[in-house]
Protein backbone atom coordinates (compact mmCIF):
# COMPACT_ATOMS: atom_id res chain seq x y z
CA UNK A 1 0.18 8.70 20.92
CA UNK A 2 -2.29 8.37 18.12
CA UNK A 3 -0.87 8.62 14.59
CA UNK A 4 -2.66 8.60 11.28
CA UNK A 5 -1.01 7.73 7.98
CA UNK A 6 -1.96 7.20 4.37
CA UNK A 7 -0.33 4.21 2.67
CA UNK A 8 -0.81 2.61 -0.74
CA UNK A 9 -3.73 0.18 -0.89
CA UNK A 10 -1.54 -2.89 -1.42
CA UNK A 11 0.63 -2.03 1.60
CA UNK A 12 -2.45 -1.45 3.75
CA UNK A 13 -3.79 -4.84 2.71
CA UNK A 14 -0.43 -6.42 3.58
CA UNK A 15 -0.53 -4.79 7.03
CA UNK A 16 -3.98 -6.22 7.75
CA UNK A 17 -3.02 -9.70 6.50
CA UNK A 18 0.27 -9.76 8.41
CA UNK A 19 -1.33 -8.52 11.62
CA UNK A 20 -3.93 -11.29 11.34
CA UNK A 21 -1.28 -13.90 10.57
CA UNK A 22 0.84 -12.88 13.57
CA UNK A 23 -2.09 -12.35 15.92
CA UNK A 24 -1.23 -8.67 16.41
CA UNK A 25 -3.32 -5.56 16.25
CA UNK A 26 -2.54 -3.11 13.48
CA UNK A 27 -1.12 -0.76 16.11
CA UNK A 28 1.20 -3.46 17.40
CA UNK A 29 2.36 -4.26 13.87
CA UNK A 30 3.04 -0.59 13.09
CA UNK A 31 4.92 -0.25 16.40
CA UNK A 32 7.09 -3.24 15.43
CA UNK A 33 7.75 -1.73 12.00
CA UNK A 34 8.68 1.66 13.46
CA UNK A 35 11.02 -0.01 15.96
CA UNK A 36 12.84 -1.76 13.11
CA UNK A 37 13.03 1.42 11.02
CA UNK A 38 14.40 3.46 13.93
CA UNK A 39 17.07 0.80 14.47
CA UNK A 40 17.85 0.78 10.74
CA UNK A 41 18.32 4.57 10.69
CA UNK A 42 20.59 4.38 13.74
CA UNK A 43 22.76 1.70 12.12
CA UNK A 44 23.00 3.58 8.81
CA UNK A 45 24.06 6.70 10.73
CA UNK A 46 26.84 4.57 12.24
CA UNK A 47 28.03 3.76 8.72
CA UNK A 48 26.65 0.23 8.70
CA UNK A 49 24.51 -1.60 6.18
CA UNK A 50 21.62 -3.92 7.00
CA UNK A 51 21.63 -7.43 5.61
CA UNK A 52 19.92 -10.73 6.18
CA UNK A 53 22.19 -13.67 6.94
CA UNK A 54 21.93 -17.22 5.66
CA UNK A 55 22.02 -19.30 8.87
CA UNK A 56 23.73 -22.22 7.11
CA UNK A 57 26.67 -20.26 5.70
CA UNK A 58 26.69 -17.09 7.85
CA UNK A 59 26.97 -15.19 4.60
CA UNK A 60 24.86 -12.14 3.77
CA UNK A 61 21.82 -13.21 1.76
CA UNK A 62 20.47 -9.80 0.79
CA UNK A 63 20.83 -6.17 1.73
CA UNK A 64 17.86 -4.35 3.24
CA UNK A 65 17.35 -0.87 1.83
CA UNK A 66 14.69 1.78 1.40
CA UNK A 67 14.89 5.06 -0.51
CA UNK A 68 15.24 6.93 2.80
CA UNK A 69 18.01 4.68 4.13
CA UNK A 70 19.90 4.90 0.83
CA UNK A 71 19.64 8.69 0.77
CA UNK A 72 20.82 8.86 4.36
CA UNK A 73 23.79 6.62 3.56
CA UNK A 74 24.79 8.83 0.63
CA UNK A 75 24.34 12.02 2.65
CA UNK A 76 26.66 10.72 5.36
CA UNK A 77 29.44 10.02 2.87
CA UNK A 78 30.15 13.31 1.11
CA UNK A 79 32.69 13.20 -1.67
CA UNK A 80 35.00 16.13 -2.39
CA UNK A 81 34.38 17.84 -5.69
CA UNK A 82 37.43 19.12 -7.49
CA UNK A 83 36.88 21.34 -10.51
CA UNK A 84 39.54 22.90 -12.71
CA UNK A 85 39.96 26.64 -12.20
CA UNK A 86 38.74 27.36 -15.76
CA UNK A 87 35.47 25.49 -15.10
CA UNK A 88 34.88 27.49 -11.91
CA UNK A 89 35.64 30.72 -13.80
CA UNK A 90 33.20 29.74 -16.58
CA UNK A 91 30.42 29.02 -14.05
CA UNK A 92 31.09 32.34 -12.30
CA UNK A 93 30.93 34.21 -15.61
CA UNK A 94 27.67 32.49 -16.59
CA UNK A 95 26.15 33.32 -13.20
CA UNK A 96 27.19 36.96 -13.34
CA UNK A 97 25.96 37.33 -16.93
CA UNK A 98 22.56 35.75 -16.26
CA UNK A 99 19.68 37.89 -17.50
CA UNK A 100 17.31 39.48 -15.00
CA UNK A 101 14.13 37.56 -14.29
CA UNK A 102 11.26 38.67 -16.50
CA UNK A 103 7.64 39.08 -15.48
CA UNK A 104 6.71 35.57 -16.70
CA UNK A 105 9.46 33.98 -14.60
CA UNK A 106 8.51 36.01 -11.52
CA UNK A 107 4.84 35.00 -11.98
CA UNK A 108 5.82 31.32 -12.32
CA UNK A 109 7.95 31.58 -9.17
CA UNK A 110 5.01 33.08 -7.27
CA UNK A 111 2.74 30.23 -8.38
CA UNK A 112 5.37 27.69 -7.34
CA UNK A 113 5.75 29.10 -3.81
CA UNK A 114 2.02 28.92 -3.00
């Protein structure tokens, strides 16, 4: 399958340099990267974290994370939200008493949905 992507200039340069260093084509390098990312997503879905290990001590050296992996980790660990009854009542009252949307707000919403 042919894919096309836009990446920041510095990352594109790093891809070219790394592919040359490893003797891979850009396609091979991207395939390797996607393989690692798919594995990372699978492990995060299993509730695991990705780390590098120091071979001398067998201790984690650093955690590997991306914005997507971090968001996925947080999404898979929902926390219950407990609010006092008076806070819920106040939010309900504010919602019910909200003014109707004016013409300027409706126009802004239309522009936003385009």
